[in-house]
Amino acid sequence: MRMSEQEFYTSLRCWQLPMDERRIMPTISWNKNNNKWFAGNLLKAIREFNMITPGETVAVGMSGGIDSTVLLYALDYINRYSPLHFQLLALHVETFSTEASAPISAFAQSLGIPVKILSVNRQGDLPEKGICYTCSRLKKGALITFAEQNQIKTIAYGHHADDFAETFFMNLFEHKKIEGLNPVSFVAKGNIAFIRPMIYLEKKTIERMFTHFTLPDLAVPCKYEEKNIRSHYRDLLQQFGKTARLQKPAKRIVEACYPKKTHHEI
């Protein structure tokens, strides 16, 4: 039996905004066109890679960016209108900035999804280089610790097909190996899975979803943000698609690495 929303909030001791401070979002309604647009590809990834067990709690790592915002919305849609039902929890980790916490909390709760804000106690001075890497490791560690303490087995990331393709090119040319992002990665001795349900969705699709569903811009510019080598491979992917005149080149790369051909409908 699925827990009620109130029981779920109480059991996880989630911080909430007062009801009168929640931003009311449009009701998520079913549309048959959404299956071909994005829902079918989400279910395809979830089922092919055994990402989610019915009834379990899926924690969504929320950065405030477009990708994680769309992921939370899309998983809520799947949870409402597909045969697969699970509990959603939004997680945000504060590291070098706390500005995104309030808008992320308001958005998640407007969807009726509980949210937890985690704060990392940083020690020492900021590193002169590799701040993005340090921040990423701190966030991942905090997510794993929280998941272990609350018996959560699955954490969802907002990585998509373009992220996979960029990583594929980086590994090919920088490290001489053929490998992209893993759709499912296990940590904590295999007890916790990091999943990427949007692995078959391209960035352009996610941006269109963000606009179409009038989702809020939760991103707060980070003054420590670095321009790294990934940006060069992002440009390479775009040029590759134009030169080869390919539609959805990133998704093609994902499907080449995982060549199962299935279609899932809601």
Protein backbone atom coordinates (compact mmCIF):
# COMPACT_ATOMS: atom_id res chain seq x y z
CA MET A 1 0.00 0.00 0.00
CA ARG A 2 1.38 3.42 -0.95
CA MET A 3 1.90 5.91 1.86
CA SER A 4 -0.14 9.06 1.92
CA GLU A 5 1.63 12.34 1.14
CA GLN A 6 1.40 13.41 4.81
CA GLU A 7 2.86 10.10 6.03
CA PHE A 8 5.69 10.40 3.52
CA TYR A 9 6.54 13.92 4.67
CA THR A 10 6.51 12.84 8.31
CA SER A 11 8.55 9.66 7.84
CA LEU A 12 11.37 11.53 6.08
CA ARG A 13 11.13 14.61 8.31
CA CYS A 14 11.27 16.80 5.20
CA TRP A 15 11.53 20.56 5.53
CA GLN A 16 8.52 22.30 4.01
CA LEU A 17 7.55 25.81 3.09
CA PRO A 18 4.35 27.15 4.68
CA MET A 19 1.34 26.32 2.53
CA ASP A 20 0.67 29.98 1.70
CA GLU A 21 4.20 30.37 0.32
CA ARG A 22 3.94 27.54 -2.21
CA ARG A 23 3.82 28.59 -5.84
CA ILE A 24 0.83 27.03 -7.52
CA MET A 25 1.74 25.17 -10.72
CA PRO A 26 -0.63 24.14 -13.53
CA THR A 27 -2.13 20.71 -13.02
CA ILE A 28 -0.15 17.96 -14.76
CA SER A 29 -2.62 16.56 -17.26
CA TRP A 30 -2.38 13.52 -19.53
CA ASN A 31 -1.80 14.06 -23.23
CA LYS A 32 -1.37 11.21 -25.71
CA ASN A 33 1.23 13.23 -27.62
CA ASN A 34 3.50 13.25 -24.56
CA ASN A 35 4.16 9.55 -25.03
CA LYS A 36 5.90 10.04 -28.37
CA TRP A 37 7.47 13.30 -27.25
CA PHE A 38 9.16 12.23 -24.01
CA ALA A 39 7.26 9.74 -21.80
CA GLY A 40 7.88 6.72 -24.04
CA ASN A 41 11.63 7.31 -23.97
CA LEU A 42 11.61 7.68 -20.19
CA LEU A 43 9.75 4.40 -19.76
CA LYS A 44 12.04 2.77 -22.32
CA ALA A 45 15.10 3.67 -20.24
CA ILE A 46 13.45 2.78 -16.92
CA ARG A 47 12.39 -0.66 -18.12
CA GLU A 48 15.41 -1.58 -20.23
CA PHE A 49 17.84 -0.82 -17.42
CA ASN A 50 15.59 -1.83 -14.49
CA MET A 51 15.92 1.63 -12.97
CA ILE A 52 12.86 1.78 -10.71
CA THR A 53 11.08 -0.84 -8.63
CA PRO A 54 7.33 -0.28 -8.18
CA GLY A 55 6.52 1.32 -4.84
CA GLU A 56 10.06 2.38 -3.98
CA THR A 57 11.25 5.89 -3.15
CA VAL A 58 13.13 7.65 -5.96
CA ALA A 59 15.16 10.65 -4.83
CA VAL A 60 15.76 13.23 -7.56
CA GLY A 61 18.96 15.25 -7.30
CA MET A 62 17.92 18.87 -7.89
CA SER A 63 20.59 21.38 -8.90
CA GLY A 64 18.19 24.11 -9.99
CA GLY A 65 19.13 23.73 -13.65
CA ILE A 66 16.75 22.97 -16.50
CA ASP A 67 17.68 19.28 -16.68
CA SER A 68 16.83 18.34 -13.09
CA THR A 69 13.72 20.56 -13.12
CA VAL A 70 12.37 18.79 -16.21
CA LEU A 71 13.35 15.39 -14.76
CA LEU A 72 11.29 15.94 -11.61
CA TYR A 73 8.30 17.08 -13.66
CA ALA A 74 8.64 14.19 -16.14
CA LEU A 75 8.95 11.54 -13.42
CA ASP A 76 5.88 12.99 -11.73
CA TYR A 77 4.02 12.65 -15.05
CA ILE A 78 5.17 9.02 -15.40
CA ASN A 79 4.17 8.30 -11.82
CA ARG A 80 0.68 9.71 -12.41
CA TYR A 81 -0.16 8.25 -15.81
CA SER A 82 1.83 5.05 -16.36
CA PRO A 83 1.38 1.63 -14.73
CA LEU A 84 4.62 2.26 -12.82
CA HIS A 85 4.02 3.94 -9.46
CA PHE A 86 6.65 5.04 -6.95
CA GLN A 87 7.33 7.71 -4.32
CA LEU A 88 9.22 10.85 -5.35
CA LEU A 89 11.50 12.92 -3.15
CA ALA A 90 13.40 16.04 -4.27
CA LEU A 91 16.90 16.46 -2.84
CA HIS A 92 19.07 19.56 -3.07
CA VAL A 93 22.58 19.86 -1.64
CA GLU A 94 23.94 23.24 -0.56
CA THR A 95 27.70 23.58 -0.99
CA PHE A 96 29.22 26.92 -1.95
CA SER A 97 25.84 28.62 -2.44
CA THR A 98 22.44 28.49 -0.72
CA GLU A 99 20.45 30.73 -3.08
CA ALA A 100 18.74 27.94 -5.04
CA SER A 101 17.25 26.18 -2.00
CA ALA A 102 14.08 28.25 -1.62
CA PRO A 103 12.95 28.19 -5.29
CA ILE A 104 13.72 24.48 -5.61
CA SER A 105 11.70 23.75 -2.47
CA ALA A 106 8.78 25.84 -3.68
CA PHE A 107 8.73 24.12 -7.08
CA ALA A 108 8.85 20.58 -5.69
CA GLN A 109 6.16 21.24 -3.13
CA SER A 110 3.92 22.91 -5.70
CA LEU A 111 3.87 19.50 -7.41
CA GLY A 112 3.02 17.84 -4.11
CA ILE A 113 6.50 16.28 -3.90
CA PRO A 114 8.36 16.32 -0.56
CA VAL A 115 11.76 17.99 -0.54
CA LYS A 116 14.87 17.81 1.61
CA ILE A 117 17.64 20.40 1.67
CA LEU A 118 21.04 19.04 2.66
CA SER A 119 23.92 21.27 3.72
CA VAL A 120 27.56 20.27 3.41
CA ASN A 121 29.85 21.51 6.15
CA ARG A 122 32.89 22.67 4.21
CA GLN A 123 36.27 22.97 5.89
CA GLY A 124 39.29 24.94 4.74
CA ASP A 125 39.73 27.35 1.85
CA LEU A 126 38.22 26.89 -1.60
CA PRO A 127 40.55 25.14 -4.06
CA GLU A 128 42.04 27.44 -6.69
CA LYS A 129 41.20 24.89 -9.42
CA GLY A 130 38.72 22.07 -9.73
CA ILE A 131 35.94 23.77 -7.80
CA CYS A 132 33.27 22.15 -10.01
CA TYR A 133 34.78 18.72 -9.40
CA THR A 134 35.00 19.36 -5.65
CA CYS A 135 31.41 20.57 -5.54
CA SER A 136 30.23 17.52 -7.48
CA ARG A 137 31.99 15.12 -5.12
CA LEU A 138 30.61 16.90 -2.05
CA LYS A 139 27.07 16.71 -3.42
CA LYS A 140 27.35 13.05 -4.36
CA GLY A 141 28.71 12.18 -0.94
CA ALA A 142 25.87 14.03 0.78
CA LEU A 143 23.28 12.27 -1.38
CA ILE A 144 24.76 8.85 -0.63
CA THR A 145 24.89 9.54 3.11
CA PHE A 146 21.27 10.73 3.19
CA ALA A 147 20.13 7.74 1.12
CA GLU A 148 21.86 5.28 3.45
CA GLN A 149 20.36 6.93 6.52
CA ASN A 150 16.84 6.85 5.06
CA GLN A 151 16.86 3.44 3.33
CA ILE A 152 16.61 4.99 -0.13
CA LYS A 153 17.95 2.74 -2.87
CA THR A 154 17.58 4.94 -5.97
CA ILE A 155 18.78 8.46 -6.80
CA ALA A 156 17.92 10.00 -10.18
CA TYR A 157 20.19 12.38 -12.05
CA GLY A 158 19.16 14.71 -14.89
CA HIS A 159 21.81 13.55 -17.38
CA HIS A 160 20.52 13.16 -20.93
CA ALA A 161 21.59 11.86 -24.35
CA ASP A 162 23.83 14.87 -25.07
CA ASP A 163 25.69 14.29 -21.79
CA PHE A 164 26.18 10.66 -22.79
CA ALA A 165 27.46 11.59 -26.26
CA GLU A 166 29.82 14.27 -24.92
CA THR A 167 31.24 11.79 -22.42
CA PHE A 168 31.55 9.22 -25.22
CA PHE A 169 33.66 11.61 -27.31
CA MET A 170 35.73 12.67 -24.28
CA ASN A 171 36.53 9.08 -23.38
CA LEU A 172 37.29 8.20 -26.99
CA PHE A 173 39.73 11.04 -27.66
CA GLU A 174 41.07 11.81 -24.18
CA HIS A 175 41.24 8.34 -22.64
CA LYS A 176 41.25 6.03 -25.69
CA LYS A 177 38.24 4.01 -24.59
CA ILE A 178 34.71 3.57 -25.93
CA GLU A 179 32.37 4.40 -23.10
CA GLY A 180 29.65 6.92 -22.26
CA LEU A 181 27.72 7.54 -19.07
CA ASN A 182 26.29 4.47 -17.40
CA PRO A 183 22.47 4.55 -17.38
CA VAL A 184 22.70 2.96 -13.92
CA SER A 185 25.69 3.22 -11.57
CA PHE A 186 25.89 1.40 -8.23
CA VAL A 187 27.64 2.76 -5.14
CA ALA A 188 27.80 1.95 -1.43
CA LYS A 189 28.64 -1.70 -2.10
CA GLY A 190 25.83 -1.94 -4.62
CA ASN A 191 23.13 -0.82 -2.21
CA ILE A 192 22.39 2.52 -3.93
CA ALA A 193 21.78 3.08 -7.64
CA PHE A 194 22.28 6.38 -9.47
CA ILE A 195 19.93 6.31 -12.44
CA ARG A 196 19.64 8.50 -15.54
CA PRO A 197 16.05 8.15 -16.83
CA MET A 198 16.51 10.84 -19.53
CA ILE A 199 19.34 8.97 -21.24
CA TYR A 200 17.26 8.72 -24.46
CA LEU A 201 16.17 12.38 -24.44
CA GLU A 202 18.23 15.04 -26.20
CA LYS A 203 18.93 18.46 -24.75
CA LYS A 204 16.74 20.17 -27.36
CA THR A 205 13.76 18.07 -26.28
CA ILE A 206 14.36 18.92 -22.63
CA GLU A 207 14.56 22.63 -23.44
CA ARG A 208 11.29 22.41 -25.39
CA MET A 209 9.63 20.62 -22.48
CA PHE A 210 10.86 23.30 -20.10
CA THR A 211 9.26 26.00 -22.24
CA HIS A 212 6.08 24.11 -23.15
CA PHE A 213 5.20 23.24 -19.56
CA THR A 214 6.17 26.77 -18.37
CA LEU A 215 8.48 25.38 -15.73
CA PRO A 216 10.24 27.88 -13.44
CA ASP A 217 13.85 28.90 -13.91
CA LEU A 218 15.41 27.75 -10.65
CA ALA A 219 19.04 28.17 -11.66
CA VAL A 220 21.23 30.56 -9.73
CA PRO A 221 24.43 31.61 -11.57
CA CYS A 222 27.47 30.19 -9.81
CA LYS A 223 30.37 32.60 -9.49
CA TYR A 224 32.73 29.63 -9.27
CA GLU A 225 31.57 28.00 -12.51
CA GLU A 226 34.43 26.86 -14.70
CA LYS A 227 34.67 26.41 -18.44
CA ASN A 228 36.04 22.91 -18.86
CA ILE A 229 36.97 20.56 -21.66
CA ARG A 230 33.41 19.21 -21.85
CA SER A 231 32.31 22.42 -23.56
CA HIS A 232 34.66 21.66 -26.46
CA TYR A 233 33.08 18.24 -26.96
CA ARG A 234 29.64 19.80 -26.72
CA ASP A 235 30.59 21.96 -29.70
CA LEU A 236 32.01 18.88 -31.47
CA LEU A 237 28.71 17.02 -31.03
CA GLN A 238 26.76 19.91 -32.54
CA GLN A 239 29.15 20.20 -35.49
CA PHE A 240 29.04 16.43 -36.00
CA GLY A 241 25.24 16.50 -36.27
CA LYS A 242 25.30 19.36 -38.76
CA THR A 243 28.06 17.91 -40.93
CA ALA A 244 26.49 14.43 -41.07
CA ARG A 245 22.99 15.93 -41.43
CA LEU A 246 21.73 13.65 -38.71
CA GLN A 247 18.61 14.08 -36.64
CA LYS A 248 19.12 13.41 -32.92
CA PRO A 249 22.81 12.44 -33.19
CA ALA A 250 23.21 12.14 -29.41
CA LYS A 251 20.33 9.68 -29.10
CA ARG A 252 21.76 7.69 -32.02
CA ILE A 253 25.02 7.29 -30.10
CA VAL A 254 23.18 6.08 -27.00
CA GLU A 255 21.14 3.58 -29.01
CA ALA A 256 24.29 2.35 -30.77
CA CYS A 257 25.79 1.53 -27.39
CA TYR A 258 22.55 -0.02 -26.10
CA PRO A 259 20.83 -1.40 -29.23
CA LYS A 260 17.57 -2.69 -27.73
CA LYS A 261 14.56 -1.68 -29.82
CA THR A 262 11.47 -1.33 -27.67
CA HIS A 263 8.63 1.13 -27.36
CA HIS A 264 6.62 1.75 -24.22
CA GLU A 265 3.32 3.53 -24.05
CA ILE A 266 1.31 5.03 -21.26
